[in-house]
Amino acid sequence: MGEVVNLRLARKAAARKAKEADAAANRAAHGRTRTERTATRAEEARITRLLDGAHREGTD
């Protein structure tokens, strides 16, 4: 037979796990220096320009 599980406790554990994952994502996004944020934005802009430059017209 399977193990008896208290659904209320399982639901709370899942909520805690999801909240911790959100907190980790926020720490990664907001726990950076201004220089790191600026470098990331510059890299994203460079990639966007590169992809826009490689776009072929009339292939839609």
Protein backbone atom coordinates (compact mmCIF):
# COMPACT_ATOMS: atom_id res chain seq x y z
CA MET A 1 0.00 0.00 0.00
CA GLY A 2 1.04 3.55 -0.56
CA GLU A 3 1.95 6.06 2.06
CA VAL A 4 -0.81 8.19 3.58
CA VAL A 5 -0.30 11.86 2.68
CA ASN A 6 -1.87 14.84 4.37
CA LEU A 7 -2.99 16.95 1.40
CA ARG A 8 -2.99 20.19 3.40
CA LEU A 9 0.65 19.71 4.33
CA ALA A 10 1.56 18.67 0.79
CA ARG A 11 -0.14 21.77 -0.61
CA LYS A 12 1.68 24.02 1.85
CA ALA A 13 5.02 22.36 1.02
CA ALA A 14 4.41 22.91 -2.69
CA ALA A 15 3.54 26.56 -2.06
CA ARG A 16 6.74 27.02 -0.03
CA LYS A 17 8.78 25.44 -2.82
CA ALA A 18 7.21 27.73 -5.45
CA LYS A 19 7.75 30.78 -3.26
CA GLU A 20 11.42 29.85 -2.79
CA ALA A 21 11.84 29.47 -6.57
CA ASP A 22 10.34 32.95 -7.09
CA ALA A 23 12.64 34.37 -4.43
CA ALA A 24 15.67 32.80 -6.11
CA ALA A 25 14.67 34.32 -9.45
CA ASN A 26 14.24 37.74 -7.82
CA ARG A 27 17.63 37.45 -6.14
CA ALA A 28 19.21 36.68 -9.50
CA ALA A 29 17.43 39.56 -11.24
CA HIS A 30 17.76 42.25 -8.59
CA GLY A 31 20.87 41.27 -6.70
CA ARG A 32 23.28 42.54 -9.32
CA THR A 33 25.47 45.62 -9.53
CA ARG A 34 24.72 48.50 -11.87
CA THR A 35 27.66 47.47 -14.05
CA GLU A 36 26.31 43.92 -14.43
CA ARG A 37 22.82 45.19 -15.31
CA THR A 38 24.26 47.63 -17.86
CA ALA A 39 26.41 44.91 -19.42
CA THR A 40 23.41 42.58 -19.69
CA ARG A 41 21.29 45.27 -21.35
CA ALA A 42 24.11 46.06 -23.80
CA GLU A 43 24.49 42.37 -24.67
CA GLU A 44 20.74 41.99 -25.23
CA ALA A 45 20.73 45.08 -27.47
CA ARG A 46 23.68 43.71 -29.45
CA ILE A 47 21.92 40.38 -29.99
CA THR A 48 18.72 42.15 -31.06
CA ARG A 49 20.62 44.28 -33.59
CA LEU A 50 22.40 41.20 -34.91
CA LEU A 51 19.15 39.28 -35.39
CA ASP A 52 17.35 42.26 -36.93
CA GLY A 53 20.23 42.72 -39.36
CA ALA A 54 20.02 39.08 -40.44
CA HIS A 55 16.26 39.24 -41.06
CA ARG A 56 15.32 38.48 -44.66
CA GLU A 57 12.56 40.60 -46.16
CA GLY A 58 9.66 39.02 -47.99
CA THR A 59 9.86 35.57 -46.38
CA ASP A 60 6.55 36.00 -44.50
